[in-house]
Amino acid sequence: MDSKLIVSSSPHIRSNEDTSYIMKQVVWALVPAALAALYYFRLSALYVMFFCILGTVGSEFIYQKITKQKSTIGDFSSVVTGLLLAFNVPAALPWWMCILGGVFAIIVVKMVFGGIGNNFVNPALAGRAFLLASFPVAMTNWTKTGVNWVSGGSIDAVTTATPLSFLKSGVAGLDPLKESGVSLIDMALGNIGGCIGETCAILILLGGLYLIWRGIISYVMPLCYLGTIFILSFLLGGLSFEFAMFQILAGGVMLGGFFMLTDYTTSPMTVKGQIIYAVLAGVIATVIRLYGGYPEGCSYSILLANVAAPLIDKFVNNRVFGEVPKSE
């Protein structure tokens, strides 16, 4: 019986799970939250998602054409970046800001550093931080759920406050739910003001569990991140379970914990390093929320942890077996 032996260098265990496959799975995992955004924010959500994705995919395509590089838009990574950026902005954001955020995320954060796998921070979160620093008013105009708003409409007629803004303003003290009139059920289902993709915690959790089930991400980082925020909020919030749950369901904690903290490129390689990284991000997020001047600390906590990831990898390495110690 004839057989062919293939001799090659390591690794010898191969997988069909290329970048395109992984990114498509992430898109599928984001579909439930996208449908919730369409339900609560109507055409405004579709409008924001379209222009954010147009900004990321279009800028990557044009950049690679100008620099005579092979096009990589088929790997869906720019689609994921655009969708995550859209999930991190308000429904009332003008179309040109959506495109500008996408261009910044791809060109400045991703392509200038060498493309996918070379960026040192999460492109979508960097795009959000850029928009928030450049256009703070537009980025904090939260649209009330159930209202259609497109560019040229009246923002003042439909704006609302988010649960986190009630907490930061001091109106509710340690009981923001009471003064805001928002229940934990509303927050879990997404019937609150906020960025279009971070409001429905249940569907974001469903998407995250799908990624864990498919083996795309590990449960370690989301669990450590959410667990750290919950425990610190419980201890610092007067031992209130309701307050701790409020912090988990409010803002972008769920979205960030499952979909952006777990980015392969910007997270540590070892399990021990991932635990340190996720706990660090959770501590930063809690400190910003409770003691900082900005109500939401999720995006900045992940960006700061991204920057620390190489240092964590440097000091937290897997033990090498069979290594012969150098003689002194």
C-alpha atoms as a PDB file:
ATOM      1  CA  MET A   1       0.000   0.000   0.000  1.00  0.00           C
ATOM      2  CA  ASP A   2       1.432   3.320  -1.131  1.00  0.00           C
ATOM      3  CA  SER A   3       1.610   6.129   1.383  1.00  0.00           C
ATOM      4  CA  LYS A   4       3.210   9.533   1.242  1.00  0.00           C
ATOM      5  CA  LEU A   5       5.164  10.822   4.168  1.00  0.00           C
ATOM      6  CA  ILE A   6       5.280  14.580   4.559  1.00  0.00           C
ATOM      7  CA  VAL A   7       8.292  15.897   6.419  1.00  0.00           C
ATOM      8  CA  SER A   8       7.894  19.409   7.812  1.00  0.00           C
ATOM      9  CA  SER A   9       8.929  21.555  10.714  1.00  0.00           C
ATOM     10  CA  SER A  10       6.740  22.083  13.756  1.00  0.00           C
ATOM     11  CA  PRO A  11       3.945  22.613  14.567  1.00  0.00           C
ATOM     12  CA  HIS A  12       2.711  19.189  13.473  1.00  0.00           C
ATOM     13  CA  ILE A  13      -0.803  19.575  14.883  1.00  0.00           C
ATOM     14  CA  ARG A  14      -2.717  21.765  12.456  1.00  0.00           C
ATOM     15  CA  SER A  15      -6.165  23.300  12.473  1.00  0.00           C
ATOM     16  CA  ASN A  16      -8.582  24.611   9.863  1.00  0.00           C
ATOM     17  CA  GLU A  17      -9.486  27.494  12.180  1.00  0.00           C
ATOM     18  CA  ASP A  18      -7.882  30.386  10.316  1.00  0.00           C
ATOM     19  CA  THR A  19      -8.459  34.091  10.963  1.00  0.00           C
ATOM     20  CA  SER A  20     -11.460  34.209   8.651  1.00  0.00           C
ATOM     21  CA  TYR A  21     -13.169  31.333  10.476  1.00  0.00           C
ATOM     22  CA  ILE A  22     -12.532  32.882  13.908  1.00  0.00           C
ATOM     23  CA  MET A  23     -13.785  36.312  12.868  1.00  0.00           C
ATOM     24  CA  LYS A  24     -16.921  34.862  11.312  1.00  0.00           C
ATOM     25  CA  GLN A  25     -17.654  33.084  14.587  1.00  0.00           C
ATOM     26  CA  VAL A  26     -17.272  36.395  16.424  1.00  0.00           C
ATOM     27  CA  VAL A  27     -19.698  38.022  13.993  1.00  0.00           C
ATOM     28  CA  TRP A  28     -22.221  35.235  14.622  1.00  0.00           C
ATOM     29  CA  ALA A  29     -21.767  35.709  18.370  1.00  0.00           C
ATOM     30  CA  LEU A  30     -22.495  39.425  17.987  1.00  0.00           C
ATOM     31  CA  VAL A  31     -25.677  38.895  15.966  1.00  0.00           C
ATOM     32  CA  PRO A  32     -28.023  38.547  19.014  1.00  0.00           C
ATOM     33  CA  ALA A  33     -26.785  41.837  20.494  1.00  0.00           C
ATOM     34  CA  ALA A  34     -27.063  43.473  17.067  1.00  0.00           C
ATOM     35  CA  LEU A  35     -30.694  42.357  16.806  1.00  0.00           C
ATOM     36  CA  ALA A  36     -31.367  43.789  20.261  1.00  0.00           C
ATOM     37  CA  ALA A  37     -29.808  47.084  19.130  1.00  0.00           C
ATOM     38  CA  LEU A  38     -32.127  47.135  16.115  1.00  0.00           C
ATOM     39  CA  TYR A  39     -35.120  46.409  18.343  1.00  0.00           C
ATOM     40  CA  TYR A  40     -34.350  49.153  20.876  1.00  0.00           C
ATOM     41  CA  PHE A  41     -32.802  51.825  18.641  1.00  0.00           C
ATOM     42  CA  ARG A  42     -34.557  51.023  15.341  1.00  0.00           C
ATOM     43  CA  LEU A  43     -32.941  52.305  12.140  1.00  0.00           C
ATOM     44  CA  SER A  44     -30.519  54.446  14.130  1.00  0.00           C
ATOM     45  CA  ALA A  45     -28.628  51.293  15.142  1.00  0.00           C
ATOM     46  CA  LEU A  46     -28.499  50.036  11.558  1.00  0.00           C
ATOM     47  CA  TYR A  47     -27.274  53.448  10.457  1.00  0.00           C
ATOM     48  CA  VAL A  48     -24.423  53.458  13.002  1.00  0.00           C
ATOM     49  CA  MET A  49     -23.388  49.862  12.283  1.00  0.00           C
ATOM     50  CA  PHE A  50     -23.336  50.470   8.525  1.00  0.00           C
ATOM     51  CA  PHE A  51     -21.117  53.562   8.663  1.00  0.00           C
ATOM     52  CA  CYS A  52     -18.738  52.156  11.296  1.00  0.00           C
ATOM     53  CA  ILE A  53     -18.192  49.004   9.226  1.00  0.00           C
ATOM     54  CA  LEU A  54     -17.885  51.123   6.081  1.00  0.00           C
ATOM     55  CA  GLY A  55     -15.175  53.147   7.812  1.00  0.00           C
ATOM     56  CA  THR A  56     -13.153  50.109   8.918  1.00  0.00           C
ATOM     57  CA  VAL A  57     -13.479  47.932   5.813  1.00  0.00           C
ATOM     58  CA  GLY A  58     -13.170  50.848   3.407  1.00  0.00           C
ATOM     59  CA  SER A  59     -10.097  52.326   5.060  1.00  0.00           C
ATOM     60  CA  GLU A  60      -8.320  48.954   5.190  1.00  0.00           C
ATOM     61  CA  PHE A  61      -9.068  48.332   1.506  1.00  0.00           C
ATOM     62  CA  ILE A  62      -7.925  51.811   0.409  1.00  0.00           C
ATOM     63  CA  TYR A  63      -4.792  51.732   2.606  1.00  0.00           C
ATOM     64  CA  GLN A  64      -3.685  48.400   1.167  1.00  0.00           C
ATOM     65  CA  LYS A  65      -4.374  49.588  -2.376  1.00  0.00           C
ATOM     66  CA  ILE A  66      -2.262  52.713  -1.863  1.00  0.00           C
ATOM     67  CA  THR A  67       0.593  50.789  -0.219  1.00  0.00           C
ATOM     68  CA  LYS A  68       0.337  47.972  -2.799  1.00  0.00           C
ATOM     69  CA  GLN A  69      -0.305  45.309  -0.178  1.00  0.00           C
ATOM     70  CA  LYS A  70      -2.418  42.209  -0.588  1.00  0.00           C
ATOM     71  CA  SER A  71      -5.997  42.900   0.484  1.00  0.00           C
ATOM     72  CA  THR A  72      -6.994  41.249   3.766  1.00  0.00           C
ATOM     73  CA  ILE A  73     -10.583  42.465   4.073  1.00  0.00           C
ATOM     74  CA  GLY A  74     -11.697  38.901   3.337  1.00  0.00           C
ATOM     75  CA  ASP A  75     -10.540  37.760   6.777  1.00  0.00           C
ATOM     76  CA  PHE A  76     -13.466  39.682   8.350  1.00  0.00           C
ATOM     77  CA  SER A  77     -11.253  41.247  11.027  1.00  0.00           C
ATOM     78  CA  SER A  78     -12.119  44.760   9.860  1.00  0.00           C
ATOM     79  CA  VAL A  79     -15.816  43.825   9.889  1.00  0.00           C
ATOM     80  CA  VAL A  80     -15.517  42.717  13.516  1.00  0.00           C
ATOM     81  CA  THR A  81     -13.663  45.931  14.401  1.00  0.00           C
ATOM     82  CA  GLY A  82     -16.362  48.033  12.743  1.00  0.00           C
ATOM     83  CA  LEU A  83     -19.179  46.152  14.444  1.00  0.00           C
ATOM     84  CA  LEU A  84     -17.533  46.401  17.870  1.00  0.00           C
ATOM     85  CA  LEU A  85     -16.882  50.109  17.326  1.00  0.00           C
ATOM     86  CA  ALA A  86     -20.553  50.589  16.460  1.00  0.00           C
ATOM     87  CA  PHE A  87     -21.536  48.739  19.630  1.00  0.00           C
ATOM     88  CA  ASN A  88     -19.458  51.264  21.603  1.00  0.00           C
ATOM     89  CA  VAL A  89     -21.043  54.480  20.327  1.00  0.00           C
ATOM     90  CA  PRO A  90     -24.467  56.133  20.782  1.00  0.00           C
ATOM     91  CA  ALA A  91     -27.268  55.667  18.270  1.00  0.00           C
ATOM     92  CA  ALA A  92     -27.281  59.420  17.562  1.00  0.00           C
ATOM     93  CA  LEU A  93     -23.644  59.623  16.423  1.00  0.00           C
ATOM     94  CA  PRO A  94     -23.371  61.431  13.040  1.00  0.00           C
ATOM     95  CA  TRP A  95     -22.375  59.299  10.064  1.00  0.00           C
ATOM     96  CA  TRP A  96     -19.067  61.063   9.460  1.00  0.00           C
ATOM     97  CA  MET A  97     -17.950  60.492  13.048  1.00  0.00           C
ATOM     98  CA  CYS A  98     -18.727  56.783  12.635  1.00  0.00           C
ATOM     99  CA  ILE A  99     -16.528  56.667   9.533  1.00  0.00           C
ATOM    100  CA  LEU A 100     -13.784  58.732  11.178  1.00  0.00           C
ATOM    101  CA  GLY A 101     -13.705  56.393  14.176  1.00  0.00           C
ATOM    102  CA  GLY A 102     -13.399  53.409  11.840  1.00  0.00           C
ATOM    103  CA  VAL A 103     -10.574  55.032   9.886  1.00  0.00           C
ATOM    104  CA  PHE A 104      -8.657  55.802  13.087  1.00  0.00           C
ATOM    105  CA  ALA A 105      -9.148  52.254  14.412  1.00  0.00           C
ATOM    106  CA  ILE A 106      -7.843  50.632  11.230  1.00  0.00           C
ATOM    107  CA  ILE A 107      -5.210  53.027   9.876  1.00  0.00           C
ATOM    108  CA  VAL A 108      -3.651  54.442  13.052  1.00  0.00           C
ATOM    109  CA  VAL A 109      -4.088  51.512  15.447  1.00  0.00           C
ATOM    110  CA  LYS A 110      -3.883  48.500  13.127  1.00  0.00           C
ATOM    111  CA  MET A 111      -2.302  49.089   9.705  1.00  0.00           C
ATOM    112  CA  VAL A 112       0.481  51.489  10.724  1.00  0.00           C
ATOM    113  CA  PHE A 113       1.779  48.834  13.132  1.00  0.00           C
ATOM    114  CA  GLY A 114       1.757  46.098  10.483  1.00  0.00           C
ATOM    115  CA  GLY A 115      -1.832  44.906  10.221  1.00  0.00           C
ATOM    116  CA  ILE A 116      -3.685  42.180  12.070  1.00  0.00           C
ATOM    117  CA  GLY A 117      -1.660  40.571  14.826  1.00  0.00           C
ATOM    118  CA  ASN A 118       0.631  43.583  15.275  1.00  0.00           C
ATOM    119  CA  ASN A 119      -1.611  46.140  16.968  1.00  0.00           C
ATOM    120  CA  PHE A 120      -0.755  46.714  20.631  1.00  0.00           C
ATOM    121  CA  VAL A 121      -4.246  47.824  21.736  1.00  0.00           C
ATOM    122  CA  ASN A 122      -7.751  46.838  20.705  1.00  0.00           C
ATOM    123  CA  PRO A 123      -8.600  48.858  17.548  1.00  0.00           C
ATOM    124  CA  ALA A 124     -12.336  49.218  18.280  1.00  0.00           C
ATOM    125  CA  LEU A 125     -11.752  50.520  21.807  1.00  0.00           C
ATOM    126  CA  ALA A 126      -8.995  52.838  20.592  1.00  0.00           C
ATOM    127  CA  GLY A 127     -11.434  54.167  17.996  1.00  0.00           C
ATOM    128  CA  ARG A 128     -14.004  54.777  20.721  1.00  0.00           C
ATOM    129  CA  ALA A 129     -11.435  56.545  22.922  1.00  0.00           C
ATOM    130  CA  PHE A 130     -10.445  58.738  19.970  1.00  0.00           C
ATOM    131  CA  LEU A 131     -14.068  59.708  19.287  1.00  0.00           C
ATOM    132  CA  LEU A 132     -14.747  60.370  22.972  1.00  0.00           C
ATOM    133  CA  ALA A 133     -11.707  62.641  23.253  1.00  0.00           C
ATOM    134  CA  SER A 134     -12.494  64.443  20.005  1.00  0.00           C
ATOM    135  CA  PHE A 135     -16.287  64.717  20.217  1.00  0.00           C
ATOM    136  CA  PRO A 136     -17.281  64.346  23.895  1.00  0.00           C
ATOM    137  CA  VAL A 137     -20.736  65.912  23.475  1.00  0.00           C
ATOM    138  CA  ALA A 138     -21.784  63.713  20.563  1.00  0.00           C
ATOM    139  CA  MET A 139     -20.351  60.626  22.274  1.00  0.00           C
ATOM    140  CA  THR A 140     -22.424  61.206  25.416  1.00  0.00           C
ATOM    141  CA  ASN A 141     -25.789  61.968  23.799  1.00  0.00           C
ATOM    142  CA  TRP A 142     -27.611  58.776  24.711  1.00  0.00           C
ATOM    143  CA  THR A 143     -30.732  58.055  22.685  1.00  0.00           C
ATOM    144  CA  LYS A 144     -33.843  56.856  24.474  1.00  0.00           C
ATOM    145  CA  THR A 145     -34.818  53.313  23.499  1.00  0.00           C
ATOM    146  CA  GLY A 146     -37.662  52.946  21.041  1.00  0.00           C
ATOM    147  CA  VAL A 147     -36.907  56.202  19.220  1.00  0.00           C
ATOM    148  CA  ASN A 148     -35.615  56.476  15.666  1.00  0.00           C
ATOM    149  CA  TRP A 149     -32.912  59.056  15.175  1.00  0.00           C
ATOM    150  CA  VAL A 150     -30.828  59.705  12.084  1.00  0.00           C
ATOM    151  CA  SER A 151     -28.395  62.464  11.205  1.00  0.00           C
ATOM    152  CA  GLY A 152     -30.237  65.742  10.988  1.00  0.00           C
ATOM    153  CA  GLY A 153     -32.835  64.816  13.602  1.00  0.00           C
ATOM    154  CA  SER A 154     -33.391  66.494  16.934  1.00  0.00           C
ATOM    155  CA  ILE A 155     -31.107  65.040  19.586  1.00  0.00           C
ATOM    156  CA  ASP A 156     -32.583  67.083  22.447  1.00  0.00           C
ATOM    157  CA  ALA A 157     -35.997  65.503  22.005  1.00  0.00           C
ATOM    158  CA  VAL A 158     -34.802  61.957  22.499  1.00  0.00           C
ATOM    159  CA  THR A 159     -31.759  62.015  24.798  1.00  0.00           C
ATOM    160  CA  THR A 160     -31.753  60.196  28.108  1.00  0.00           C
ATOM    161  CA  ALA A 161     -29.373  59.363  30.947  1.00  0.00           C
ATOM    162  CA  THR A 162     -27.617  56.038  31.449  1.00  0.00           C
ATOM    163  CA  PRO A 163     -27.670  54.149  34.767  1.00  0.00           C
ATOM    164  CA  LEU A 164     -23.959  54.867  35.244  1.00  0.00           C
ATOM    165  CA  SER A 165     -24.480  58.602  34.756  1.00  0.00           C
ATOM    166  CA  PHE A 166     -27.015  58.579  37.620  1.00  0.00           C
ATOM    167  CA  LEU A 167     -24.428  56.955  39.855  1.00  0.00           C
ATOM    168  CA  LYS A 168     -21.630  59.354  38.897  1.00  0.00           C
ATOM    169  CA  SER A 169     -23.806  62.452  39.317  1.00  0.00           C
ATOM    170  CA  GLY A 170     -24.396  61.481  42.937  1.00  0.00           C
ATOM    171  CA  VAL A 171     -28.171  61.606  42.502  1.00  0.00           C
ATOM    172  CA  ALA A 172     -28.605  58.063  43.696  1.00  0.00           C
ATOM    173  CA  GLY A 173     -25.618  57.509  45.963  1.00  0.00           C
ATOM    174  CA  LEU A 174     -25.158  53.771  46.309  1.00  0.00           C
ATOM    175  CA  ASP A 175     -28.693  53.090  45.095  1.00  0.00           C
ATOM    176  CA  PRO A 176     -28.709  54.314  41.472  1.00  0.00           C
ATOM    177  CA  LEU A 177     -31.577  52.002  40.523  1.00  0.00           C
ATOM    178  CA  LYS A 178     -33.989  53.721  42.883  1.00  0.00           C
ATOM    179  CA  GLU A 179     -33.500  57.242  41.513  1.00  0.00           C
ATOM    180  CA  SER A 180     -33.072  56.311  37.853  1.00  0.00           C
ATOM    181  CA  GLY A 181     -36.213  54.202  37.801  1.00  0.00           C
ATOM    182  CA  VAL A 182     -34.303  51.416  36.030  1.00  0.00           C
ATOM    183  CA  SER A 183     -34.487  47.854  37.301  1.00  0.00           C
ATOM    184  CA  LEU A 184     -31.898  45.106  37.019  1.00  0.00           C
ATOM    185  CA  ILE A 185     -34.330  43.362  34.668  1.00  0.00           C
ATOM    186  CA  ASP A 186     -34.346  46.409  32.378  1.00  0.00           C
ATOM    187  CA  MET A 187     -30.559  46.416  32.391  1.00  0.00           C
ATOM    188  CA  ALA A 188     -30.354  42.694  31.656  1.00  0.00           C
ATOM    189  CA  LEU A 189     -32.815  43.012  28.754  1.00  0.00           C
ATOM    190  CA  GLY A 190     -31.327  46.236  27.378  1.00  0.00           C
ATOM    191  CA  ASN A 191     -34.243  48.624  27.845  1.00  0.00           C
ATOM    192  CA  ILE A 192     -31.927  51.455  28.967  1.00  0.00           C
ATOM    193  CA  GLY A 193     -29.954  54.292  27.441  1.00  0.00           C
ATOM    194  CA  GLY A 194     -26.383  53.682  26.382  1.00  0.00           C
ATOM    195  CA  CYS A 195     -24.214  52.600  23.478  1.00  0.00           C
ATOM    196  CA  ILE A 196     -26.184  50.545  20.972  1.00  0.00           C
ATOM    197  CA  GLY A 197     -24.483  47.215  21.560  1.00  0.00           C
ATOM    198  CA  GLU A 198     -23.791  47.160  25.277  1.00  0.00           C
ATOM    199  CA  THR A 199     -27.274  47.456  26.734  1.00  0.00           C
ATOM    200  CA  CYS A 200     -28.714  43.916  26.451  1.00  0.00           C
ATOM    201  CA  ALA A 201     -26.520  41.976  28.880  1.00  0.00           C
ATOM    202  CA  ILE A 202     -28.331  38.657  28.392  1.00  0.00           C
ATOM    203  CA  LEU A 203     -27.697  38.508  24.641  1.00  0.00           C
ATOM    204  CA  ILE A 204     -24.086  39.634  25.040  1.00  0.00           C
ATOM    205  CA  LEU A 205     -23.631  36.824  27.574  1.00  0.00           C
ATOM    206  CA  LEU A 206     -25.250  34.409  25.111  1.00  0.00           C
ATOM    207  CA  GLY A 207     -22.784  35.459  22.418  1.00  0.00           C
ATOM    208  CA  GLY A 208     -19.855  35.116  24.816  1.00  0.00           C
ATOM    209  CA  LEU A 209     -20.932  31.620  25.854  1.00  0.00           C
ATOM    210  CA  TYR A 210     -21.193  30.688  22.175  1.00  0.00           C
ATOM    211  CA  LEU A 211     -17.564  31.714  21.636  1.00  0.00           C
ATOM    212  CA  ILE A 212     -16.481  29.690  24.675  1.00  0.00           C
ATOM    213  CA  TRP A 213     -18.468  26.672  23.425  1.00  0.00           C
ATOM    214  CA  ARG A 214     -16.856  26.939  19.984  1.00  0.00           C
ATOM    215  CA  GLY A 215     -13.406  27.166  21.570  1.00  0.00           C
ATOM    216  CA  ILE A 216     -12.741  30.628  20.144  1.00  0.00           C
ATOM    217  CA  ILE A 217     -12.111  32.189  23.555  1.00  0.00           C
ATOM    218  CA  SER A 218     -11.395  30.838  27.043  1.00  0.00           C
ATOM    219  CA  TYR A 219     -13.636  31.447  30.024  1.00  0.00           C
ATOM    220  CA  VAL A 220     -10.628  32.554  32.108  1.00  0.00           C
ATOM    221  CA  MET A 221     -10.404  36.241  31.169  1.00  0.00           C
ATOM    222  CA  PRO A 222     -14.155  37.056  31.136  1.00  0.00           C
ATOM    223  CA  LEU A 223     -14.662  35.249  34.439  1.00  0.00           C
ATOM    224  CA  CYS A 224     -11.729  36.986  36.151  1.00  0.00           C
ATOM    225  CA  TYR A 225     -12.712  40.401  34.770  1.00  0.00           C
ATOM    226  CA  LEU A 226     -16.388  40.183  35.697  1.00  0.00           C
ATOM    227  CA  GLY A 227     -15.562  38.494  38.999  1.00  0.00           C
ATOM    228  CA  THR A 228     -13.098  41.207  39.998  1.00  0.00           C
ATOM    229  CA  ILE A 229     -15.566  44.001  39.227  1.00  0.00           C
ATOM    230  CA  PHE A 230     -18.357  42.182  41.075  1.00  0.00           C
ATOM    231  CA  ILE A 231     -16.296  41.462  44.211  1.00  0.00           C
ATOM    232  CA  LEU A 232     -14.781  44.957  44.428  1.00  0.00           C
ATOM    233  CA  SER A 233     -18.175  46.591  43.798  1.00  0.00           C
ATOM    234  CA  PHE A 234     -19.712  44.409  46.490  1.00  0.00           C
ATOM    235  CA  LEU A 235     -17.018  45.272  49.033  1.00  0.00           C
ATOM    236  CA  LEU A 236     -16.811  48.976  48.177  1.00  0.00           C
ATOM    237  CA  GLY A 237     -20.545  49.415  47.698  1.00  0.00           C
ATOM    238  CA  GLY A 238     -21.630  48.685  51.233  1.00  0.00           C
ATOM    239  CA  LEU A 239     -21.795  44.892  50.795  1.00  0.00           C
ATOM    240  CA  SER A 240     -24.750  45.356  48.456  1.00  0.00           C
ATOM    241  CA  PHE A 241     -25.428  42.482  46.049  1.00  0.00           C
ATOM    242  CA  GLU A 242     -27.765  44.706  44.031  1.00  0.00           C
ATOM    243  CA  PHE A 243     -25.069  47.365  43.630  1.00  0.00           C
ATOM    244  CA  ALA A 244     -22.547  44.747  42.494  1.00  0.00           C
ATOM    245  CA  MET A 245     -25.006  43.360  39.929  1.00  0.00           C
ATOM    246  CA  PHE A 246     -25.688  46.920  38.786  1.00  0.00           C
ATOM    247  CA  GLN A 247     -21.981  47.364  38.001  1.00  0.00           C
ATOM    248  CA  ILE A 248     -21.877  44.122  36.024  1.00  0.00           C
ATOM    249  CA  LEU A 249     -24.965  44.879  33.939  1.00  0.00           C
ATOM    250  CA  ALA A 250     -24.326  48.596  33.379  1.00  0.00           C
ATOM    251  CA  GLY A 251     -22.193  49.996  30.591  1.00  0.00           C
ATOM    252  CA  GLY A 252     -19.766  47.955  28.542  1.00  0.00           C
ATOM    253  CA  VAL A 253     -18.520  45.444  31.111  1.00  0.00           C
ATOM    254  CA  MET A 254     -20.185  42.415  29.545  1.00  0.00           C
ATOM    255  CA  LEU A 255     -19.308  43.417  25.976  1.00  0.00           C
ATOM    256  CA  GLY A 256     -15.737  44.276  26.897  1.00  0.00           C
ATOM    257  CA  GLY A 257     -15.202  41.181  29.028  1.00  0.00           C
ATOM    258  CA  PHE A 258     -16.231  38.702  26.349  1.00  0.00           C
ATOM    259  CA  PHE A 259     -15.414  40.410  23.060  1.00  0.00           C
ATOM    260  CA  MET A 260     -12.538  42.861  23.569  1.00  0.00           C
ATOM    261  CA  LEU A 261     -10.566  41.794  26.619  1.00  0.00           C
ATOM    262  CA  THR A 262     -10.128  38.382  24.953  1.00  0.00           C
ATOM    263  CA  ASP A 263      -8.561  39.716  21.749  1.00  0.00           C
ATOM    264  CA  TYR A 264      -5.733  37.325  20.834  1.00  0.00           C
ATOM    265  CA  THR A 265      -3.257  40.010  19.810  1.00  0.00           C
ATOM    266  CA  THR A 266      -3.557  42.254  22.847  1.00  0.00           C
ATOM    267  CA  SER A 267      -3.891  39.691  25.663  1.00  0.00           C
ATOM    268  CA  PRO A 268      -1.179  37.591  27.396  1.00  0.00           C
ATOM    269  CA  MET A 269      -0.264  34.145  26.108  1.00  0.00           C
ATOM    270  CA  THR A 270      -0.233  32.150  29.352  1.00  0.00           C
ATOM    271  CA  VAL A 271      -3.214  31.318  31.561  1.00  0.00           C
ATOM    272  CA  LYS A 272      -1.475  32.802  34.611  1.00  0.00           C
ATOM    273  CA  GLY A 273      -0.751  35.952  32.634  1.00  0.00           C
ATOM    274  CA  GLN A 274      -4.358  36.141  31.447  1.00  0.00           C
ATOM    275  CA  ILE A 275      -5.601  35.961  35.037  1.00  0.00           C
ATOM    276  CA  ILE A 276      -3.302  38.819  36.097  1.00  0.00           C
ATOM    277  CA  TYR A 277      -4.301  40.801  32.998  1.00  0.00           C
ATOM    278  CA  ALA A 278      -8.042  40.362  33.546  1.00  0.00           C
ATOM    279  CA  VAL A 279      -7.874  41.129  37.277  1.00  0.00           C
ATOM    280  CA  LEU A 280      -5.807  44.246  36.547  1.00  0.00           C
ATOM    281  CA  ALA A 281      -8.413  45.422  34.025  1.00  0.00           C
ATOM    282  CA  GLY A 282     -11.210  44.726  36.510  1.00  0.00           C
ATOM    283  CA  VAL A 283      -9.488  46.746  39.242  1.00  0.00           C
ATOM    284  CA  ILE A 284      -8.910  49.690  36.894  1.00  0.00           C
ATOM    285  CA  ALA A 285     -12.519  49.639  35.669  1.00  0.00           C
ATOM    286  CA  THR A 286     -13.897  49.630  39.222  1.00  0.00           C
ATOM    287  CA  VAL A 287     -11.592  52.410  40.417  1.00  0.00           C
ATOM    288  CA  ILE A 288     -12.509  54.642  37.453  1.00  0.00           C
ATOM    289  CA  ARG A 289     -16.230  54.009  37.953  1.00  0.00           C
ATOM    290  CA  LEU A 290     -16.323  54.580  41.692  1.00  0.00           C
ATOM    291  CA  TYR A 291     -13.616  57.189  42.198  1.00  0.00           C
ATOM    292  CA  GLY A 292     -12.853  58.738  38.809  1.00  0.00           C
ATOM    293  CA  GLY A 293     -14.533  61.634  37.054  1.00  0.00           C
ATOM    294  CA  TYR A 294     -15.838  59.490  34.179  1.00  0.00           C
ATOM    295  CA  PRO A 295     -18.830  57.177  34.751  1.00  0.00           C
ATOM    296  CA  GLU A 296     -17.675  54.328  32.482  1.00  0.00           C
ATOM    297  CA  GLY A 297     -14.266  52.724  32.993  1.00  0.00           C
ATOM    298  CA  CYS A 298     -14.520  49.588  30.864  1.00  0.00           C
ATOM    299  CA  SER A 299     -12.895  50.796  27.653  1.00  0.00           C
ATOM    300  CA  TYR A 300     -10.011  52.531  29.391  1.00  0.00           C
ATOM    301  CA  SER A 301      -9.430  49.576  31.706  1.00  0.00           C
ATOM    302  CA  ILE A 302      -9.000  47.229  28.745  1.00  0.00           C
ATOM    303  CA  LEU A 303      -6.796  49.667  26.811  1.00  0.00           C
ATOM    304  CA  LEU A 304      -4.506  50.107  29.836  1.00  0.00           C
ATOM    305  CA  ALA A 305      -4.388  46.341  30.366  1.00  0.00           C
ATOM    306  CA  ASN A 306      -3.528  45.923  26.650  1.00  0.00           C
ATOM    307  CA  VAL A 307      -0.482  48.123  27.163  1.00  0.00           C
ATOM    308  CA  ALA A 308       0.555  46.044  30.183  1.00  0.00           C
ATOM    309  CA  ALA A 309       0.154  42.692  28.387  1.00  0.00           C
ATOM    310  CA  PRO A 310       3.726  42.525  26.957  1.00  0.00           C
ATOM    311  CA  LEU A 311       5.155  43.244  30.414  1.00  0.00           C
ATOM    312  CA  ILE A 312       2.979  40.508  31.910  1.00  0.00           C
ATOM    313  CA  ASP A 313       4.169  38.077  29.233  1.00  0.00           C
ATOM    314  CA  LYS A 314       7.767  38.997  29.992  1.00  0.00           C
ATOM    315  CA  PHE A 315       7.546  38.069  33.666  1.00  0.00           C
ATOM    316  CA  VAL A 316       4.958  35.288  33.514  1.00  0.00           C
ATOM    317  CA  ASN A 317       6.302  32.502  31.326  1.00  0.00           C
ATOM    318  CA  ASN A 318       5.439  28.835  31.047  1.00  0.00           C
ATOM    319  CA  ARG A 319       7.941  26.504  32.631  1.00  0.00           C
ATOM    320  CA  VAL A 320      10.276  25.026  30.013  1.00  0.00           C
ATOM    321  CA  PHE A 321      10.879  21.300  30.550  1.00  0.00           C
ATOM    322  CA  GLY A 322      14.165  19.732  29.543  1.00  0.00           C
ATOM    323  CA  GLU A 323      16.084  23.002  29.653  1.00  0.00           C
ATOM    324  CA  VAL A 324      19.650  22.629  30.856  1.00  0.00           C
ATOM    325  CA  PRO A 325      20.626  25.450  33.256  1.00  0.00           C
ATOM    326  CA  LYS A 326      23.635  27.475  32.221  1.00  0.00           C
ATOM    327  CA  SER A 327      26.769  26.754  34.236  1.00  0.00           C
ATOM    328  CA  GLU A 328      28.160  29.740  36.040  1.00  0.00           C
END
